[in-house]
Amino acid sequence: LWVLVFPIVWATLQREEQMQLAKPMISLLSKEYHQRQAAVRPNVVQALLEGISLSQPQPKIPSELIKFLGKTYNAWHIAIALLENHVVRYPQEARCFDALAELYRLLGEQDVLVGLWRQRCTSDITRSGLALVQHGHWQEAQDVFFRGMQRASAGQVNGVTKTELCLWETHWLHSAKQLNQWDLIGDFSRA
């Protein structure tokens, strides 16, 4: 019933009324008592999120909250749809992107995650490294990411976010694992 009624009611509200209603919605979604239903399928949080996802325009809910609710209440598909909409509507907000990337990572959606990164990355190092990883060219990808990390530590790379630098490091380590370079990983962990 909520999934059908809420979008209709939401559409009839004025913009100011929608903004006023968004804060109590966030508060409702944040309540601790929903934890009792975390293992139940379907649950209240899934219904609330689905009603919100069908609303136009969608209320702006913090990305971290959507990510948490998606993981905790098995509302992955609804949370991903909401975050994808947020990424399109608010392209400058790194929080939306990071939350969506985390959900894709947790689901093992590597190809979708690479596509998301290719859309957001600022460096050619990231683009070429991710392409090599996707095709299983582990040694070449490792070399690309290592050179990028060296250049970044020397201050020769501009405009690259800390998140993107972490991505380089993560993929460099992943490439080392794929290549069974355990001594290299051990040395890295001690550094």
N, C-alpha and C. Protein backbone atom coordinates (compact mmCIF):
# COMPACT_ATOMS: atom_id res chain seq x y z
N LEU A 1 0.82 -1.19 0.00
CA LEU A 1 0.00 0.00 0.00
C LEU A 1 0.86 1.26 0.00
N TRP A 2 1.92 1.25 0.84
CA TRP A 2 2.83 2.39 0.91
C TRP A 2 3.47 2.66 -0.44
N VAL A 3 3.90 1.60 -1.10
CA VAL A 3 4.59 1.73 -2.38
C VAL A 3 3.68 2.37 -3.42
N LEU A 4 2.39 2.13 -3.34
CA LEU A 4 1.45 2.72 -4.29
C LEU A 4 1.03 4.14 -3.91
N VAL A 5 0.80 4.35 -2.62
CA VAL A 5 0.24 5.61 -2.17
C VAL A 5 1.28 6.72 -2.05
N PHE A 6 2.45 6.42 -1.50
CA PHE A 6 3.43 7.48 -1.24
C PHE A 6 3.82 8.26 -2.49
N PRO A 7 4.14 7.62 -3.61
CA PRO A 7 4.51 8.41 -4.81
C PRO A 7 3.39 9.34 -5.28
N ILE A 8 2.15 8.91 -5.12
CA ILE A 8 1.02 9.74 -5.54
C ILE A 8 0.91 10.96 -4.63
N VAL A 9 0.99 10.72 -3.33
CA VAL A 9 0.91 11.83 -2.36
C VAL A 9 2.09 12.77 -2.55
N TRP A 10 3.27 12.21 -2.75
CA TRP A 10 4.48 13.01 -2.92
C TRP A 10 4.35 13.96 -4.12
N ALA A 11 3.79 13.45 -5.19
CA ALA A 11 3.64 14.25 -6.41
C ALA A 11 2.67 15.42 -6.22
N THR A 12 1.73 15.30 -5.30
CA THR A 12 0.77 16.38 -5.08
C THR A 12 1.31 17.49 -4.19
N LEU A 13 2.41 17.24 -3.49
CA LEU A 13 2.98 18.23 -2.57
C LEU A 13 3.75 19.30 -3.32
N GLN A 14 3.75 20.50 -2.76
CA GLN A 14 4.58 21.59 -3.28
C GLN A 14 6.04 21.30 -2.93
N ARG A 15 6.95 21.98 -3.61
CA ARG A 15 8.38 21.75 -3.39
C ARG A 15 8.78 21.99 -1.93
N GLU A 16 8.24 23.04 -1.31
CA GLU A 16 8.57 23.35 0.08
C GLU A 16 8.06 22.25 1.01
N GLU A 17 6.86 21.74 0.71
CA GLU A 17 6.29 20.67 1.53
C GLU A 17 7.11 19.38 1.39
N GLN A 18 7.58 19.12 0.17
CA GLN A 18 8.43 17.95 -0.04
C GLN A 18 9.71 18.06 0.77
N MET A 19 10.31 19.25 0.77
CA MET A 19 11.55 19.44 1.53
C MET A 19 11.31 19.28 3.03
N GLN A 20 10.15 19.76 3.52
CA GLN A 20 9.82 19.62 4.93
C GLN A 20 9.57 18.16 5.30
N LEU A 21 9.00 17.40 4.40
CA LEU A 21 8.70 15.99 4.66
C LEU A 21 9.95 15.11 4.55
N ALA A 22 10.95 15.56 3.83
CA ALA A 22 12.16 14.74 3.64
C ALA A 22 12.89 14.51 4.96
N LYS A 23 12.96 15.51 5.82
CA LYS A 23 13.68 15.35 7.09
C LYS A 23 13.04 14.30 7.99
N PRO A 24 11.71 14.32 8.19
CA PRO A 24 11.12 13.23 8.98
C PRO A 24 11.28 11.85 8.33
N MET A 25 11.32 11.81 7.00
CA MET A 25 11.54 10.53 6.31
C MET A 25 12.93 9.98 6.64
N ILE A 26 13.92 10.88 6.62
CA ILE A 26 15.28 10.47 6.96
C ILE A 26 15.33 9.98 8.40
N SER A 27 14.65 10.70 9.27
CA SER A 27 14.59 10.30 10.68
C SER A 27 13.93 8.94 10.84
N LEU A 28 12.84 8.71 10.12
CA LEU A 28 12.14 7.42 10.18
C LEU A 28 13.04 6.29 9.69
N LEU A 29 13.73 6.52 8.58
CA LEU A 29 14.61 5.47 8.04
C LEU A 29 15.79 5.19 8.96
N SER A 30 16.15 6.15 9.80
CA SER A 30 17.31 6.01 10.68
C SER A 30 16.99 5.36 12.02
N LYS A 31 15.75 5.08 12.28
CA LYS A 31 15.35 4.55 13.59
C LYS A 31 15.96 3.17 13.84
N GLU A 32 16.37 2.99 15.08
CA GLU A 32 17.04 1.75 15.46
C GLU A 32 16.07 0.57 15.54
N TYR A 33 14.80 0.83 15.78
CA TYR A 33 13.86 -0.27 15.94
C TYR A 33 13.64 -1.07 14.66
N HIS A 34 14.09 -0.56 13.52
CA HIS A 34 13.98 -1.33 12.28
C HIS A 34 14.91 -2.55 12.31
N GLN A 35 15.92 -2.53 13.18
CA GLN A 35 16.88 -3.63 13.26
C GLN A 35 16.19 -4.97 13.55
N ARG A 36 15.07 -4.92 14.27
CA ARG A 36 14.36 -6.16 14.60
C ARG A 36 13.87 -6.87 13.34
N GLN A 37 13.71 -6.13 12.25
CA GLN A 37 13.20 -6.73 11.01
C GLN A 37 14.30 -6.98 9.99
N ALA A 38 15.53 -6.83 10.37
CA ALA A 38 16.63 -6.96 9.40
C ALA A 38 16.63 -8.31 8.69
N ALA A 39 16.23 -9.37 9.38
CA ALA A 39 16.27 -10.70 8.78
C ALA A 39 14.95 -11.09 8.11
N VAL A 40 13.94 -10.26 8.23
CA VAL A 40 12.62 -10.58 7.69
C VAL A 40 12.53 -10.09 6.24
N ARG A 41 11.91 -10.92 5.40
CA ARG A 41 11.71 -10.53 4.00
C ARG A 41 10.26 -10.69 3.64
N PRO A 42 9.58 -9.74 3.12
CA PRO A 42 9.96 -8.33 2.98
C PRO A 42 9.88 -7.62 4.33
N ASN A 43 10.51 -6.46 4.41
CA ASN A 43 10.49 -5.71 5.66
C ASN A 43 10.08 -4.26 5.40
N VAL A 44 9.89 -3.53 6.48
CA VAL A 44 9.39 -2.16 6.39
C VAL A 44 10.36 -1.26 5.63
N VAL A 45 11.65 -1.41 5.87
CA VAL A 45 12.64 -0.55 5.22
C VAL A 45 12.61 -0.76 3.72
N GLN A 46 12.47 -1.99 3.27
CA GLN A 46 12.37 -2.25 1.83
C GLN A 46 11.16 -1.53 1.24
N ALA A 47 10.04 -1.59 1.94
CA ALA A 47 8.83 -0.92 1.44
C ALA A 47 9.00 0.59 1.42
N LEU A 48 9.57 1.14 2.48
CA LEU A 48 9.80 2.59 2.52
C LEU A 48 10.71 3.04 1.38
N LEU A 49 11.81 2.32 1.19
CA LEU A 49 12.76 2.69 0.13
C LEU A 49 12.13 2.53 -1.25
N GLU A 50 11.34 1.51 -1.44
CA GLU A 50 10.71 1.32 -2.75
C GLU A 50 9.72 2.44 -3.06
N GLY A 51 8.96 2.86 -2.05
CA GLY A 51 8.05 3.99 -2.23
C GLY A 51 8.80 5.26 -2.58
N ILE A 52 9.92 5.48 -1.90
CA ILE A 52 10.74 6.66 -2.17
C ILE A 52 11.33 6.59 -3.57
N SER A 53 11.77 5.40 -3.99
CA SER A 53 12.40 5.27 -5.31
C SER A 53 11.41 5.52 -6.44
N LEU A 54 10.12 5.28 -6.20
CA LEU A 54 9.12 5.50 -7.24
C LEU A 54 8.61 6.94 -7.28
N SER A 55 9.03 7.74 -6.33
CA SER A 55 8.58 9.14 -6.24
C SER A 55 9.36 10.02 -7.21
N GLN A 56 8.66 11.00 -7.76
CA GLN A 56 9.30 11.97 -8.66
C GLN A 56 8.93 13.38 -8.23
N PRO A 57 9.87 14.25 -7.97
CA PRO A 57 11.30 13.97 -7.85
C PRO A 57 11.59 13.23 -6.56
N GLN A 58 12.63 12.44 -6.58
CA GLN A 58 12.95 11.66 -5.39
C GLN A 58 13.46 12.57 -4.29
N PRO A 59 13.03 12.30 -3.04
CA PRO A 59 13.59 13.08 -1.93
C PRO A 59 15.07 12.78 -1.78
N LYS A 60 15.82 13.79 -1.39
CA LYS A 60 17.27 13.61 -1.23
C LYS A 60 17.54 13.02 0.15
N ILE A 61 18.00 11.80 0.13
CA ILE A 61 18.34 11.08 1.36
C ILE A 61 19.85 10.90 1.37
N PRO A 62 20.50 11.06 2.53
CA PRO A 62 21.96 10.91 2.57
C PRO A 62 22.42 9.57 1.97
N SER A 63 23.43 9.64 1.16
CA SER A 63 23.93 8.46 0.45
C SER A 63 24.40 7.37 1.40
N GLU A 64 25.02 7.79 2.49
CA GLU A 64 25.53 6.81 3.46
C GLU A 64 24.37 6.04 4.09
N LEU A 65 23.26 6.73 4.33
CA LEU A 65 22.08 6.07 4.90
C LEU A 65 21.51 5.07 3.91
N ILE A 66 21.41 5.45 2.66
CA ILE A 66 20.90 4.53 1.63
C ILE A 66 21.79 3.30 1.54
N LYS A 67 23.10 3.50 1.55
CA LYS A 67 24.04 2.37 1.48
C LYS A 67 23.85 1.45 2.68
N PHE A 68 23.76 2.02 3.86
CA PHE A 68 23.58 1.22 5.08
C PHE A 68 22.28 0.42 5.02
N LEU A 69 21.20 1.08 4.62
CA LEU A 69 19.91 0.40 4.57
C LEU A 69 19.91 -0.71 3.52
N GLY A 70 20.54 -0.44 2.38
CA GLY A 70 20.61 -1.46 1.34
C GLY A 70 21.34 -2.71 1.81
N LYS A 71 22.45 -2.51 2.52
CA LYS A 71 23.23 -3.65 3.01
C LYS A 71 22.52 -4.37 4.15
N THR A 72 22.02 -3.61 5.10
CA THR A 72 21.49 -4.19 6.33
C THR A 72 20.14 -4.87 6.14
N TYR A 73 19.29 -4.30 5.29
CA TYR A 73 17.93 -4.80 5.15
C TYR A 73 17.70 -5.53 3.82
N ASN A 74 18.76 -5.96 3.19
CA ASN A 74 18.67 -6.71 1.94
C ASN A 74 17.84 -5.96 0.89
N ALA A 75 18.10 -4.67 0.81
CA ALA A 75 17.40 -3.83 -0.17
C ALA A 75 18.42 -3.34 -1.20
N TRP A 76 19.28 -4.23 -1.63
CA TRP A 76 20.38 -3.88 -2.53
C TRP A 76 19.88 -3.22 -3.80
N HIS A 77 18.93 -3.85 -4.47
CA HIS A 77 18.48 -3.34 -5.77
C HIS A 77 17.81 -1.98 -5.65
N ILE A 78 17.06 -1.77 -4.58
CA ILE A 78 16.40 -0.48 -4.38
C ILE A 78 17.44 0.58 -4.04
N ALA A 79 18.39 0.24 -3.17
CA ALA A 79 19.43 1.19 -2.77
C ALA A 79 20.29 1.57 -3.98
N ILE A 80 20.63 0.61 -4.81
CA ILE A 80 21.44 0.90 -5.99
C ILE A 80 20.68 1.82 -6.94
N ALA A 81 19.40 1.56 -7.15
CA ALA A 81 18.61 2.43 -8.03
C ALA A 81 18.55 3.86 -7.48
N LEU A 82 18.36 4.00 -6.17
CA LEU A 82 18.32 5.33 -5.56
C LEU A 82 19.67 6.04 -5.72
N LEU A 83 20.75 5.32 -5.47
CA LEU A 83 22.08 5.94 -5.56
C LEU A 83 22.45 6.26 -7.01
N GLU A 84 22.04 5.42 -7.94
CA GLU A 84 22.29 5.73 -9.36
C GLU A 84 21.58 7.02 -9.74
N ASN A 85 20.37 7.19 -9.25
CA ASN A 85 19.63 8.43 -9.49
C ASN A 85 20.34 9.61 -8.84
N HIS A 86 20.86 9.43 -7.63
CA HIS A 86 21.59 10.50 -6.94
C HIS A 86 22.86 10.88 -7.71
N VAL A 87 23.57 9.89 -8.24
CA VAL A 87 24.79 10.17 -8.99
C VAL A 87 24.48 11.01 -10.23
N VAL A 88 23.36 10.73 -10.87
CA VAL A 88 22.97 11.49 -12.05
C VAL A 88 22.52 12.90 -11.67
N ARG A 89 21.74 13.01 -10.60
CA ARG A 89 21.20 14.31 -10.19
C ARG A 89 22.24 15.19 -9.52
N TYR A 90 23.18 14.60 -8.79
CA TYR A 90 24.20 15.35 -8.06
C TYR A 90 25.59 14.85 -8.44
N PRO A 91 26.05 15.10 -9.66
CA PRO A 91 27.31 14.51 -10.13
C PRO A 91 28.55 15.01 -9.38
N GLN A 92 28.45 16.14 -8.72
CA GLN A 92 29.62 16.67 -8.01
C GLN A 92 29.77 16.12 -6.60
N GLU A 93 28.79 15.38 -6.12
CA GLU A 93 28.84 14.85 -4.76
C GLU A 93 29.58 13.52 -4.76
N ALA A 94 30.77 13.52 -4.22
CA ALA A 94 31.58 12.31 -4.17
C ALA A 94 30.96 11.27 -3.24
N ARG A 95 30.21 11.72 -2.24
CA ARG A 95 29.60 10.78 -1.29
C ARG A 95 28.65 9.82 -2.00
N CYS A 96 27.87 10.33 -2.95
CA CYS A 96 26.93 9.48 -3.70
C CYS A 96 27.69 8.43 -4.49
N PHE A 97 28.73 8.88 -5.16
CA PHE A 97 29.54 7.97 -5.96
C PHE A 97 30.20 6.91 -5.08
N ASP A 98 30.77 7.33 -3.95
CA ASP A 98 31.46 6.39 -3.07
C ASP A 98 30.50 5.34 -2.51
N ALA A 99 29.29 5.76 -2.14
CA ALA A 99 28.31 4.81 -1.61
C ALA A 99 27.90 3.81 -2.68
N LEU A 100 27.65 4.28 -3.89
CA LEU A 100 27.27 3.39 -4.99
C LEU A 100 28.41 2.44 -5.33
N ALA A 101 29.61 2.95 -5.37
CA ALA A 101 30.77 2.10 -5.66
C ALA A 101 30.94 1.02 -4.59
N GLU A 102 30.70 1.37 -3.35
CA GLU A 102 30.81 0.39 -2.26
C GLU A 102 29.77 -0.73 -2.42
N LEU A 103 28.54 -0.38 -2.77
CA LEU A 103 27.52 -1.41 -2.96
C LEU A 103 27.88 -2.33 -4.14
N TYR A 104 28.35 -1.74 -5.24
CA TYR A 104 28.78 -2.57 -6.37
C TYR A 104 29.92 -3.49 -5.96
N ARG A 105 30.87 -2.96 -5.19
CA ARG A 105 32.01 -3.78 -4.74
C ARG A 105 31.54 -4.93 -3.87
N LEU A 106 30.63 -4.65 -2.93
CA LEU A 106 30.13 -5.70 -2.04
C LEU A 106 29.36 -6.78 -2.79
N LEU A 107 28.71 -6.41 -3.87
CA LEU A 107 27.97 -7.38 -4.68
C LEU A 107 28.85 -8.10 -5.69
N GLY A 108 30.11 -7.67 -5.81
CA GLY A 108 31.02 -8.30 -6.76
C GLY A 108 30.76 -7.89 -8.20
N GLU A 109 30.13 -6.75 -8.38
CA GLU A 109 29.82 -6.24 -9.73
C GLU A 109 31.02 -5.45 -10.26
N GLN A 110 32.09 -6.15 -10.57
CA GLN A 110 33.34 -5.50 -10.95
C GLN A 110 33.22 -4.73 -12.26
N ASP A 111 32.54 -5.28 -13.25
CA ASP A 111 32.43 -4.59 -14.53
C ASP A 111 31.62 -3.30 -14.40
N VAL A 112 30.54 -3.34 -13.62
CA VAL A 112 29.74 -2.13 -13.41
C VAL A 112 30.55 -1.11 -12.62
N LEU A 113 31.30 -1.60 -11.64
CA LEU A 113 32.15 -0.72 -10.83
C LEU A 113 33.22 -0.05 -11.69
N VAL A 114 33.81 -0.79 -12.60
CA VAL A 114 34.80 -0.22 -13.50
C VAL A 114 34.15 0.84 -14.39
N GLY A 115 32.96 0.56 -14.89
CA GLY A 115 32.25 1.55 -15.70
C GLY A 115 31.96 2.81 -14.92
N LEU A 116 31.59 2.67 -13.66
CA LEU A 116 31.34 3.83 -12.80
C LEU A 116 32.62 4.64 -12.60
N TRP A 117 33.73 3.94 -12.36
CA TRP A 117 35.01 4.63 -12.17
C TRP A 117 35.47 5.32 -13.45
N ARG A 118 35.27 4.66 -14.58
CA ARG A 118 35.69 5.28 -15.85
C ARG A 118 34.93 6.57 -16.11
N GLN A 119 33.71 6.64 -15.62
CA GLN A 119 32.91 7.84 -15.78
C GLN A 119 33.41 8.96 -14.87
N ARG A 120 33.96 8.62 -13.73
CA ARG A 120 34.32 9.62 -12.73
C ARG A 120 35.81 9.95 -12.70
N CYS A 121 36.66 9.04 -13.10
CA CYS A 121 38.10 9.23 -12.90
C CYS A 121 38.63 10.44 -13.68
N THR A 122 39.70 10.99 -13.16
CA THR A 122 40.31 12.17 -13.78
C THR A 122 41.64 11.84 -14.44
N SER A 123 42.15 10.66 -14.21
CA SER A 123 43.48 10.32 -14.68
C SER A 123 43.45 9.23 -15.75
N ASP A 124 44.33 9.37 -16.72
CA ASP A 124 44.49 8.33 -17.74
C ASP A 124 45.09 7.07 -17.13
N ILE A 125 45.82 7.22 -16.04
CA ILE A 125 46.39 6.06 -15.35
C ILE A 125 45.26 5.15 -14.89
N THR A 126 44.23 5.74 -14.33
CA THR A 126 43.08 4.96 -13.85
C THR A 126 42.39 4.27 -15.01
N ARG A 127 42.14 5.02 -16.07
CA ARG A 127 41.45 4.44 -17.23
C ARG A 127 42.21 3.26 -17.81
N SER A 128 43.49 3.44 -18.06
CA SER A 128 44.26 2.35 -18.67
C SER A 128 44.45 1.19 -17.71
N GLY A 129 44.69 1.48 -16.44
CA GLY A 129 44.86 0.41 -15.46
C GLY A 129 43.61 -0.43 -15.30
N LEU A 130 42.46 0.23 -15.25
CA LEU A 130 41.20 -0.51 -15.11
C LEU A 130 40.91 -1.35 -16.35
N ALA A 131 41.21 -0.82 -17.52
CA ALA A 131 41.01 -1.59 -18.75
C ALA A 131 41.88 -2.84 -18.74
N LEU A 132 43.12 -2.70 -18.29
CA LEU A 132 44.01 -3.87 -18.23
C LEU A 132 43.51 -4.89 -17.21
N VAL A 133 43.03 -4.42 -16.07
CA VAL A 133 42.49 -5.32 -15.05
C VAL A 133 41.28 -6.07 -15.60
N GLN A 134 40.40 -5.37 -16.30
CA GLN A 134 39.21 -6.02 -16.85
C GLN A 134 39.55 -7.13 -17.82
N HIS A 135 40.62 -6.98 -18.52
CA HIS A 135 41.01 -7.98 -19.52
C HIS A 135 41.99 -9.01 -18.96
N GLY A 136 42.30 -8.91 -17.65
CA GLY A 136 43.15 -9.91 -17.02
C GLY A 136 44.63 -9.75 -17.30
N HIS A 137 45.07 -8.59 -17.74
CA HIS A 137 46.49 -8.32 -17.97
C HIS A 137 47.09 -7.79 -16.66
N TRP A 138 47.30 -8.72 -15.72
CA TRP A 138 47.65 -8.34 -14.36
C TRP A 138 49.00 -7.66 -14.26
N GLN A 139 49.99 -8.18 -14.97
CA GLN A 139 51.34 -7.60 -14.87
C GLN A 139 51.36 -6.17 -15.41
N GLU A 140 50.74 -5.95 -16.55
CA GLU A 140 50.70 -4.61 -17.13
C GLU A 140 49.91 -3.66 -16.24
N ALA A 141 48.79 -4.14 -15.70
CA ALA A 141 47.98 -3.29 -14.81
C ALA A 141 48.76 -2.94 -13.56
N GLN A 142 49.46 -3.91 -13.02
CA GLN A 142 50.27 -3.65 -11.83
C GLN A 142 51.33 -2.60 -12.12
N ASP A 143 51.98 -2.70 -13.27
CA ASP A 143 53.00 -1.72 -13.65
C ASP A 143 52.40 -0.32 -13.79
N VAL A 144 51.23 -0.22 -14.43
CA VAL A 144 50.58 1.08 -14.62
C VAL A 144 50.25 1.70 -13.27
N PHE A 145 49.64 0.93 -12.39
CA PHE A 145 49.27 1.47 -11.09
C PHE A 145 50.50 1.81 -10.24
N PHE A 146 51.54 1.00 -10.34
CA PHE A 146 52.75 1.27 -9.56
C PHE A 146 53.42 2.57 -10.03
N ARG A 147 53.51 2.75 -11.34
CA ARG A 147 54.09 4.00 -11.86
C ARG A 147 53.24 5.20 -11.44
N GLY A 148 51.92 5.02 -11.45
CA GLY A 148 51.03 6.09 -11.02
C GLY A 148 51.24 6.44 -9.55
N MET A 149 51.38 5.42 -8.71
CA MET A 149 51.62 5.66 -7.28
C MET A 149 52.96 6.34 -7.06
N GLN A 150 53.96 5.93 -7.82
CA GLN A 150 55.28 6.57 -7.71
C GLN A 150 55.19 8.04 -8.10
N ARG A 151 54.54 8.32 -9.22
CA ARG A 151 54.40 9.71 -9.67
C ARG A 151 53.60 10.53 -8.67
N ALA A 152 52.58 9.93 -8.07
CA ALA A 152 51.76 10.66 -7.10
C ALA A 152 52.56 10.98 -5.84
N SER A 153 53.37 10.03 -5.40
CA SER A 153 54.17 10.29 -4.19
C SER A 153 55.27 11.31 -4.46
N ALA A 154 55.69 11.44 -5.73
CA ALA A 154 56.69 12.44 -6.10
C ALA A 154 56.05 13.79 -6.40
N GLY A 155 54.71 13.85 -6.34
CA GLY A 155 54.02 15.11 -6.60
C GLY A 155 53.89 15.45 -8.08
N GLN A 156 54.01 14.48 -8.95
CA GLN A 156 53.96 14.72 -10.39
C GLN A 156 52.57 14.50 -10.98
N VAL A 157 51.58 14.16 -10.14
CA VAL A 157 50.23 13.90 -10.62
C VAL A 157 49.31 14.94 -9.98
N ASN A 158 48.59 15.68 -10.82
CA ASN A 158 47.70 16.72 -10.32
C ASN A 158 46.25 16.36 -10.58
N GLY A 159 45.35 16.80 -9.71
CA GLY A 159 43.92 16.64 -9.92
C GLY A 159 43.38 15.27 -9.63
N VAL A 160 44.15 14.40 -9.03
CA VAL A 160 43.70 13.06 -8.70
C VAL A 160 43.23 13.04 -7.25
N THR A 161 42.02 12.55 -7.03
CA THR A 161 41.47 12.53 -5.68
C THR A 161 42.11 11.44 -4.83
N LYS A 162 41.95 11.57 -3.53
CA LYS A 162 42.48 10.57 -2.62
C LYS A 162 41.81 9.22 -2.85
N THR A 163 40.52 9.25 -3.19
CA THR A 163 39.79 8.02 -3.47
C THR A 163 40.37 7.31 -4.68
N GLU A 164 40.74 8.09 -5.68
CA GLU A 164 41.33 7.50 -6.89
C GLU A 164 42.71 6.91 -6.58
N LEU A 165 43.48 7.59 -5.74
CA LEU A 165 44.78 7.05 -5.33
C LEU A 165 44.61 5.74 -4.57
N CYS A 166 43.60 5.67 -3.72
CA CYS A 166 43.31 4.43 -2.99
C CYS A 166 42.93 3.31 -3.96
N LEU A 167 42.21 3.68 -5.02
CA LEU A 167 41.84 2.69 -6.04
C LEU A 167 43.10 2.12 -6.70
N TRP A 168 44.07 2.99 -7.00
CA TRP A 168 45.33 2.51 -7.59
C TRP A 168 46.01 1.50 -6.67
N GLU A 169 46.07 1.85 -5.40
CA GLU A 169 46.74 0.98 -4.44
C GLU A 169 46.00 -0.36 -4.31
N THR A 170 44.69 -0.30 -4.25
CA THR A 170 43.88 -1.51 -4.13
C THR A 170 44.08 -2.42 -5.34
N HIS A 171 44.07 -1.83 -6.52
CA HIS A 171 44.23 -2.65 -7.73
C HIS A 171 45.67 -3.13 -7.90
N TRP A 172 46.63 -2.36 -7.42
CA TRP A 172 48.02 -2.81 -7.45
C TRP A 172 48.16 -4.04 -6.57
N LEU A 173 47.55 -3.99 -5.36
CA LEU A 173 47.60 -5.14 -4.46
C LEU A 173 46.84 -6.34 -5.04
N HIS A 174 45.70 -6.08 -5.65
CA HIS A 174 44.92 -7.16 -6.26
C HIS A 174 45.70 -7.82 -7.40
N SER A 175 46.40 -7.01 -8.17
CA SER A 175 47.22 -7.56 -9.26
C SER A 175 48.35 -8.41 -8.70
N ALA A 176 48.95 -7.96 -7.60
CA ALA A 176 50.02 -8.74 -6.97
C ALA A 176 49.48 -10.09 -6.47
N LYS A 177 48.27 -10.08 -5.93
CA LYS A 177 47.66 -11.34 -5.48
C LYS A 177 47.42 -12.26 -6.66
N GLN A 178 46.91 -11.71 -7.75
CA GLN A 178 46.64 -12.52 -8.94
C GLN A 178 47.92 -13.12 -9.51
N LEU A 179 49.03 -12.40 -9.33
CA LEU A 179 50.32 -12.87 -9.84
C LEU A 179 51.10 -13.68 -8.81
N ASN A 180 50.46 -13.94 -7.65
CA ASN A 180 51.10 -14.70 -6.55
C ASN A 180 52.41 -14.07 -6.09
N GLN A 181 52.44 -12.78 -5.99
CA GLN A 181 53.63 -12.06 -5.52
C GLN A 181 53.51 -11.78 -4.02
N TRP A 182 53.49 -12.86 -3.24
CA TRP A 182 53.21 -12.75 -1.81
C TRP A 182 54.35 -12.05 -1.07
N ASP A 183 55.57 -12.22 -1.52
CA ASP A 183 56.69 -11.51 -0.87
C ASP A 183 56.53 -10.00 -1.04
N LEU A 184 56.13 -9.58 -2.22
CA LEU A 184 55.90 -8.16 -2.49
C LEU A 184 54.78 -7.61 -1.62
N ILE A 185 53.72 -8.38 -1.46
CA ILE A 185 52.60 -7.96 -0.61
C ILE A 185 53.05 -7.89 0.85
N GLY A 186 53.86 -8.84 1.27
CA GLY A 186 54.40 -8.83 2.65
C GLY A 186 55.26 -7.61 2.87
N ASP A 187 56.13 -7.29 1.91
CA ASP A 187 56.97 -6.08 2.02
C ASP A 187 56.11 -4.82 2.09
N PHE A 188 55.06 -4.79 1.28
CA PHE A 188 54.18 -3.62 1.26
C PHE A 188 53.48 -3.46 2.62
N SER A 189 53.04 -4.57 3.20
CA SER A 189 52.33 -4.50 4.48
C SER A 189 53.24 -4.03 5.61
N ARG A 190 54.53 -4.29 5.50
CA ARG A 190 55.47 -3.85 6.53
C ARG A 190 55.92 -2.41 6.35
N ALA A 191 55.71 -1.86 5.16
CA ALA A 191 56.18 -0.49 4.89
C ALA A 191 55.27 0.56 5.50
